[in-house]
Amino acid sequence: MKIKPLLENLKLNWPAKAISVIVACLFYLFNRYTSLEKKSLPVSLNVVQDGEMVCASHIPSSVSVTIRTSAENITKVTGENIFAQLDMSWITQEGTFEIPVVVDLPPNIVELEPLQVTVFPEKIKARLEKNTLRTIKISPQLIGKPADGYAVESVSVTPEYVSVYGPRSIIQSIDSIGTEGIPVDELTQSFKQSVRLANANRLVKIYDVDSAEVAVNIDYEDGIKEYKSLIVLLRNLPANFECDTQKRGSITLRGPRLLMNDWTPNPDTLSVDLSEIKEAGEYTLPVSVLIPQEFHLVSVSLENITVNVKNRPPAEVVDETAGEGEE
């Protein structure tokens, strides 16, 4: 008999009573949620891309994992053994995708009660392209400048080429891959050195090689210098001839700058050979240039000169007896 009045009382204004119960539950849940302690932990992001496609856009190296639990339990929460993963291996075509971040918690955190776990960001937008392999040149990177008067003559590297792989568009845009800096400042001698390859783009992977041997050849720095107003030497003129021709010319040389600065032209730097002259007359003869073997002749102002050769007059004989007769 008492149950019936109770049911009738429950039916009385039941919408208001239902709303009150719902509001009370919400207040309870809100209070429970706000009373939880939270801890945010940076977690390294493991990217899985072992299929045909690889990521061609920037992917953060870590994500933030937030754990809410009671004040008593929050002290037990550490970042140890928490793993975050971005799995791209299931994607088989190029395009842009939003990929969810999956978090794996250790048992000591999973067993906490109450427990709420969130990750930021929940999804990561990534551009995927076909994984491409290509062979490109190694480009040694020199730092500094050799000593004054010296220059880097040549640079060679072994191996000359290396294979790289990664996103199609990035791999196709690469012309070469550099090395770590090789100092040559104030050096005067050649050398060889093993250096590591420098990969500036972390989306590009180098296949099976991480270093190369670089040979740097340092030699005298070349320069160009002009030597002016050099007298043309007349050589090997037979004794019965004479020549009063005097010519001056200039030469331009290329060679080691330090050596050229210390070199002074010799009297026979420019010369003409007169040994073949048999009689007096006017002759046009080639000018010879004599320079050290380290130098190269760029130009000479006189390739030929004209000389006037005359017979040498016989020497006058002095008659010593003539004076005695007069006395």
Protein backbone atom coordinates (compact mmCIF):
# COMPACT_ATOMS: atom_id res chain seq x y z
CA MET A 1 0.00 0.00 0.00
CA LYS A 2 2.94 2.33 0.59
CA ILE A 3 4.57 1.64 -2.79
CA LYS A 4 1.72 3.15 -4.79
CA PRO A 5 1.89 6.60 -3.13
CA LEU A 6 5.67 6.57 -3.66
CA LEU A 7 5.30 5.92 -7.39
CA GLU A 8 2.65 8.61 -7.59
CA ASN A 9 5.01 11.06 -5.87
CA LEU A 10 7.79 10.17 -8.36
CA LYS A 11 5.48 10.86 -11.27
CA LEU A 12 4.60 14.21 -9.82
CA ASN A 13 6.67 16.90 -11.68
CA TRP A 14 8.97 14.19 -13.09
CA PRO A 15 10.57 16.40 -15.77
CA ALA A 16 11.91 18.79 -13.15
CA LYS A 17 13.12 15.91 -11.03
CA ALA A 18 14.92 14.32 -14.01
CA ILE A 19 16.63 17.60 -14.83
CA SER A 20 17.76 17.92 -11.22
CA VAL A 21 19.30 14.46 -11.29
CA ILE A 22 21.15 15.19 -14.55
CA VAL A 23 22.45 18.51 -13.22
CA ALA A 24 23.61 16.81 -10.03
CA CYS A 25 25.47 14.19 -12.07
CA LEU A 26 27.10 16.88 -14.17
CA PHE A 27 28.18 18.77 -11.07
CA TYR A 28 29.62 15.55 -9.68
CA LEU A 29 31.56 14.80 -12.85
CA PHE A 30 32.75 18.40 -13.16
CA ASN A 31 33.91 18.43 -9.57
CA ARG A 32 35.62 15.10 -10.06
CA TYR A 33 37.35 16.32 -13.22
CA THR A 34 38.49 19.66 -11.80
CA SER A 35 39.79 18.06 -8.64
CA LEU A 36 42.23 15.85 -10.61
CA GLU A 37 45.88 16.79 -10.77
CA LYS A 38 47.53 16.94 -14.20
CA LYS A 39 51.02 16.50 -15.54
CA SER A 40 52.14 17.26 -19.10
CA LEU A 41 55.14 15.35 -20.41
CA PRO A 42 57.15 15.81 -23.65
CA VAL A 43 57.38 12.44 -25.42
CA SER A 44 59.55 11.67 -28.44
CA LEU A 45 57.52 10.90 -31.54
CA ASN A 46 58.47 7.71 -33.37
CA VAL A 47 57.65 7.97 -37.09
CA VAL A 48 57.03 4.66 -38.86
CA GLN A 49 57.39 4.94 -42.65
CA ASP A 50 58.64 1.59 -43.89
CA GLY A 51 56.35 1.44 -46.91
CA GLU A 52 56.70 2.91 -50.40
CA MET A 53 55.84 6.41 -49.16
CA VAL A 54 57.87 8.75 -46.98
CA CYS A 55 57.07 12.08 -45.40
CA ALA A 56 57.98 15.17 -47.44
CA SER A 57 56.89 17.75 -44.85
CA HIS A 58 58.03 18.76 -41.39
CA ILE A 59 57.06 16.39 -38.57
CA PRO A 60 57.53 17.48 -34.93
CA SER A 61 60.12 15.46 -33.06
CA SER A 62 57.92 15.20 -29.96
CA VAL A 63 54.35 15.55 -28.73
CA SER A 64 52.87 16.57 -25.37
CA VAL A 65 51.09 13.87 -23.37
CA THR A 66 48.87 15.15 -20.51
CA ILE A 67 47.82 12.76 -17.74
CA ARG A 68 45.11 13.59 -15.17
CA THR A 69 44.71 11.58 -12.00
CA SER A 70 44.35 12.04 -8.26
CA ALA A 71 46.88 14.05 -6.29
CA GLU A 72 48.01 10.82 -4.65
CA ASN A 73 48.70 9.13 -7.99
CA ILE A 74 50.14 12.07 -9.91
CA THR A 75 53.50 11.68 -8.19
CA LYS A 76 53.81 8.21 -9.72
CA VAL A 77 53.56 9.56 -13.26
CA THR A 78 56.83 9.91 -15.19
CA GLY A 79 57.69 10.06 -18.87
CA GLU A 80 59.58 6.78 -18.68
CA ASN A 81 58.23 4.05 -20.96
CA ILE A 82 55.62 6.35 -22.53
CA PHE A 83 55.77 6.00 -26.32
CA ALA A 84 54.12 8.07 -29.06
CA GLN A 85 53.96 6.82 -32.62
CA LEU A 86 52.95 8.15 -36.03
CA ASP A 87 52.37 5.21 -38.37
CA MET A 88 52.50 6.01 -42.11
CA SER A 89 53.26 2.52 -43.38
CA TRP A 90 49.63 1.87 -44.39
CA ILE A 91 49.56 4.75 -46.92
CA THR A 92 50.20 3.62 -50.51
CA GLN A 93 49.76 6.79 -52.60
CA GLU A 94 51.08 10.34 -52.66
CA GLY A 95 49.04 13.07 -51.02
CA THR A 96 48.40 15.01 -47.82
CA PHE A 97 46.94 13.08 -44.88
CA GLU A 98 45.95 13.72 -41.25
CA ILE A 99 47.47 10.87 -39.28
CA PRO A 100 46.49 10.17 -35.64
CA VAL A 101 49.14 10.03 -32.94
CA VAL A 102 48.99 6.78 -30.96
CA VAL A 103 50.20 6.79 -27.34
CA ASP A 104 51.32 3.64 -25.54
CA LEU A 105 51.33 3.82 -21.70
CA PRO A 106 53.22 1.54 -19.32
CA PRO A 107 51.21 -0.71 -16.91
CA ASN A 108 51.96 1.44 -13.85
CA ILE A 109 50.05 4.34 -15.45
CA VAL A 110 47.27 2.29 -17.07
CA GLU A 111 46.33 0.88 -13.65
CA LEU A 112 45.81 4.31 -12.07
CA GLU A 113 42.27 5.20 -11.06
CA PRO A 114 40.92 7.71 -12.00
CA LEU A 115 42.88 8.30 -15.23
CA GLN A 116 42.48 10.66 -18.17
CA VAL A 117 45.03 10.85 -21.02
CA THR A 118 45.22 13.40 -23.83
CA VAL A 119 47.87 14.04 -26.47
CA PHE A 120 48.65 17.25 -28.34
CA PRO A 121 48.49 17.33 -31.24
CA GLU A 122 46.04 14.46 -31.67
CA LYS A 123 46.62 14.36 -35.44
CA ILE A 124 49.49 15.53 -37.61
CA LYS A 125 49.08 16.67 -41.21
CA ALA A 126 51.78 15.17 -43.42
CA ARG A 127 52.62 15.30 -47.11
CA LEU A 128 53.69 11.86 -48.38
CA GLU A 129 55.66 11.16 -51.54
CA LYS A 130 57.23 8.12 -53.13
CA ASN A 131 60.56 7.07 -51.63
CA THR A 132 63.19 7.78 -54.34
CA LEU A 133 66.86 6.73 -54.66
CA ARG A 134 69.38 8.86 -56.58
CA THR A 135 73.17 9.15 -57.01
CA ILE A 136 74.65 12.67 -56.58
CA LYS A 137 78.10 14.27 -56.31
CA ILE A 138 79.91 15.01 -53.07
CA SER A 139 80.90 18.68 -52.81
CA PRO A 140 83.75 19.38 -50.31
CA GLN A 141 83.29 22.58 -48.30
CA LEU A 142 86.51 24.58 -47.73
CA ILE A 143 86.81 27.17 -44.97
CA GLY A 144 89.27 30.06 -45.06
CA LYS A 145 91.99 31.08 -47.51
CA PRO A 146 95.58 29.84 -47.94
CA ALA A 147 98.56 32.03 -47.03
CA ASP A 148 99.35 35.06 -49.17
CA GLY A 149 100.75 34.01 -52.52
CA TYR A 150 99.17 30.55 -52.36
CA ALA A 151 95.87 29.21 -53.68
CA VAL A 152 93.84 26.01 -53.77
CA GLU A 153 94.85 24.49 -57.09
CA SER A 154 92.42 21.56 -57.05
CA VAL A 155 90.18 19.51 -54.76
CA SER A 156 89.35 15.83 -55.23
CA VAL A 157 87.13 13.55 -53.17
CA THR A 158 86.86 9.78 -52.80
CA PRO A 159 84.22 8.55 -53.42
CA GLU A 160 83.04 11.16 -55.91
CA TYR A 161 79.38 10.15 -55.70
CA VAL A 162 76.99 8.96 -53.01
CA SER A 163 73.48 7.49 -53.08
CA VAL A 164 70.70 9.31 -51.24
CA TYR A 165 67.03 8.51 -50.80
CA GLY A 166 63.95 10.29 -49.55
CA PRO A 167 60.82 12.12 -50.79
CA ARG A 168 60.67 12.31 -54.58
CA SER A 169 60.44 16.12 -54.94
CA ILE A 170 63.27 16.78 -52.48
CA ILE A 171 65.64 14.18 -53.94
CA GLN A 172 65.09 15.49 -57.48
CA SER A 173 65.99 19.05 -56.38
CA ILE A 174 69.38 18.11 -54.87
CA ASP A 175 72.48 18.63 -57.05
CA SER A 176 75.13 17.65 -54.51
CA ILE A 177 75.73 16.86 -50.87
CA GLY A 178 78.34 18.76 -48.88
CA THR A 179 80.89 17.85 -46.25
CA GLU A 180 81.78 19.28 -42.89
CA GLY A 181 84.00 22.35 -43.17
CA ILE A 182 87.64 21.74 -44.16
CA PRO A 183 89.95 24.53 -42.87
CA VAL A 184 92.62 25.79 -45.31
CA ASP A 185 93.35 29.13 -43.63
CA GLU A 186 97.01 30.26 -43.97
CA LEU A 187 98.14 26.88 -45.36
CA THR A 188 101.03 26.53 -47.84
CA GLN A 189 101.07 22.75 -48.41
CA SER A 190 98.71 20.16 -49.88
CA PHE A 191 96.99 17.62 -47.60
CA LYS A 192 94.45 14.80 -47.38
CA GLN A 193 91.72 14.53 -44.76
CA SER A 194 88.78 12.29 -43.94
CA VAL A 195 85.61 14.33 -43.33
CA ARG A 196 82.02 13.49 -42.51
CA LEU A 197 79.25 14.20 -44.98
CA ALA A 198 76.98 17.06 -43.97
CA ASN A 199 73.31 16.31 -44.56
CA ALA A 200 71.44 19.59 -44.16
CA ASN A 201 67.98 18.07 -44.77
CA ARG A 202 66.86 15.45 -42.25
CA LEU A 203 64.28 14.15 -44.71
CA VAL A 204 67.15 13.01 -46.95
CA LYS A 205 69.01 9.83 -45.99
CA ILE A 206 72.52 8.90 -47.16
CA TYR A 207 72.89 5.28 -48.23
CA ASP A 208 75.75 3.25 -46.71
CA VAL A 209 78.35 6.10 -46.52
CA ASP A 210 78.97 8.70 -43.81
CA SER A 211 82.41 10.10 -44.68
CA ALA A 212 84.78 10.76 -47.59
CA GLU A 213 88.50 11.40 -48.12
CA VAL A 214 89.27 14.85 -49.51
CA ALA A 215 92.61 15.74 -51.14
CA VAL A 216 93.36 19.49 -51.30
CA ASN A 217 96.19 20.60 -53.61
CA ILE A 218 97.69 23.94 -52.54
CA ASP A 219 100.22 25.63 -54.81
CA TYR A 220 101.60 29.06 -55.66
CA GLU A 221 98.93 31.55 -56.67
CA ASP A 222 99.22 32.57 -60.31
CA GLY A 223 99.64 36.19 -61.29
CA ILE A 224 100.29 38.27 -64.40
CA LYS A 225 103.07 40.85 -64.57
CA GLU A 226 104.47 43.09 -67.31
CA TYR A 227 108.19 43.83 -67.62
CA LYS A 228 108.78 47.00 -69.65
CA SER A 229 111.66 48.66 -71.53
CA LEU A 230 113.90 45.61 -71.86
CA ILE A 231 116.93 46.07 -74.19
CA VAL A 232 117.07 43.57 -77.05
CA LEU A 233 120.52 41.94 -76.89
CA LEU A 234 122.35 41.41 -80.23
CA ARG A 235 124.15 38.06 -79.97
CA ASN A 236 126.86 36.27 -81.97
CA LEU A 237 127.65 39.06 -84.44
CA PRO A 238 130.72 38.01 -86.50
CA ALA A 239 133.86 40.03 -85.69
CA ASN A 240 134.12 41.66 -89.13
CA PHE A 241 130.70 43.33 -88.78
CA GLU A 242 129.23 45.95 -86.55
CA CYS A 243 125.63 46.93 -85.71
CA ASP A 244 124.53 50.02 -83.85
CA THR A 245 120.82 49.11 -83.75
CA GLN A 246 119.26 49.29 -80.29
CA LYS A 247 115.68 48.23 -79.61
CA ARG A 248 113.61 47.98 -76.44
CA GLY A 249 110.57 45.80 -75.84
CA SER A 250 108.28 44.51 -73.09
CA ILE A 251 106.93 41.10 -72.11
CA THR A 252 103.94 39.96 -70.07
CA LEU A 253 104.32 36.79 -68.02
CA ARG A 254 101.96 34.52 -66.10
CA GLY A 255 103.18 32.37 -63.23
CA PRO A 256 103.59 32.06 -59.45
CA ARG A 257 103.07 35.56 -58.11
CA LEU A 258 105.62 35.23 -55.32
CA LEU A 259 108.34 34.06 -57.74
CA MET A 260 107.60 36.79 -60.27
CA ASN A 261 107.85 39.47 -57.60
CA ASP A 262 111.41 38.31 -56.81
CA TRP A 263 112.58 37.79 -60.40
CA THR A 264 114.57 40.40 -62.36
CA PRO A 265 114.93 40.03 -66.14
CA ASN A 266 118.41 39.10 -67.35
CA PRO A 267 120.30 41.07 -70.07
CA ASP A 268 119.52 38.27 -72.55
CA THR A 269 115.80 37.99 -71.73
CA LEU A 270 115.13 39.54 -75.15
CA SER A 271 117.76 38.78 -77.80
CA VAL A 272 118.44 38.40 -81.54
CA ASP A 273 120.90 35.87 -83.01
CA LEU A 274 123.20 37.40 -85.67
CA SER A 275 125.46 34.39 -86.17
CA GLU A 276 124.13 33.60 -89.67
CA ILE A 277 124.98 37.01 -91.16
CA LYS A 278 127.55 36.74 -93.96
CA GLU A 279 127.53 40.25 -95.42
CA ALA A 280 126.51 43.79 -94.57
CA GLY A 281 122.91 44.83 -95.05
CA GLU A 282 119.50 45.23 -93.47
CA TYR A 283 117.97 42.18 -91.84
CA THR A 284 114.64 41.42 -90.12
CA LEU A 285 115.22 38.81 -87.46
CA PRO A 286 113.04 37.08 -84.84
CA VAL A 287 113.30 38.08 -81.20
CA SER A 288 113.97 35.24 -78.74
CA VAL A 289 112.51 35.33 -75.21
CA LEU A 290 114.38 33.58 -72.39
CA ILE A 291 112.39 33.18 -69.13
CA PRO A 292 112.39 30.71 -66.20
CA GLN A 293 110.49 27.49 -66.80
CA GLU A 294 108.03 28.33 -64.00
CA PHE A 295 106.71 31.24 -66.08
CA HIS A 296 104.53 31.30 -69.20
CA LEU A 297 104.83 33.97 -71.86
CA VAL A 298 101.52 35.80 -72.33
CA SER A 299 102.70 38.38 -74.87
CA VAL A 300 105.81 40.14 -76.24
CA SER A 301 105.77 43.59 -77.80
CA LEU A 302 108.47 42.73 -80.37
CA GLU A 303 108.30 39.53 -82.36
CA ASN A 304 110.83 40.73 -84.97
CA ILE A 305 113.27 43.63 -85.27
CA THR A 306 115.16 45.15 -88.22
CA VAL A 307 118.93 45.63 -87.83
CA ASN A 308 121.47 47.41 -90.01
CA VAL A 309 124.73 45.47 -90.25
CA LYS A 310 127.87 47.22 -91.54
CA ASN A 311 131.38 46.11 -92.31
CA ARG A 312 133.75 46.94 -89.53
CA PRO A 313 136.54 49.30 -90.82
CA PRO A 314 140.09 47.87 -90.67
CA ALA A 315 142.10 48.97 -87.67
CA GLU A 316 144.50 51.87 -88.40
CA VAL A 317 148.22 50.93 -88.28
CA VAL A 318 150.47 53.49 -86.58
CA ASP A 319 153.88 53.99 -88.33
CA GLU A 320 156.26 54.56 -85.46
CA THR A 321 159.32 55.18 -87.77
CA ALA A 322 157.77 58.21 -89.42
CA GLY A 323 158.45 60.47 -86.52
CA GLU A 324 162.14 59.46 -86.25
CA GLY A 325 162.93 60.46 -89.87
CA GLU A 326 161.59 63.90 -89.34
CA GLU A 327 163.79 64.38 -86.36
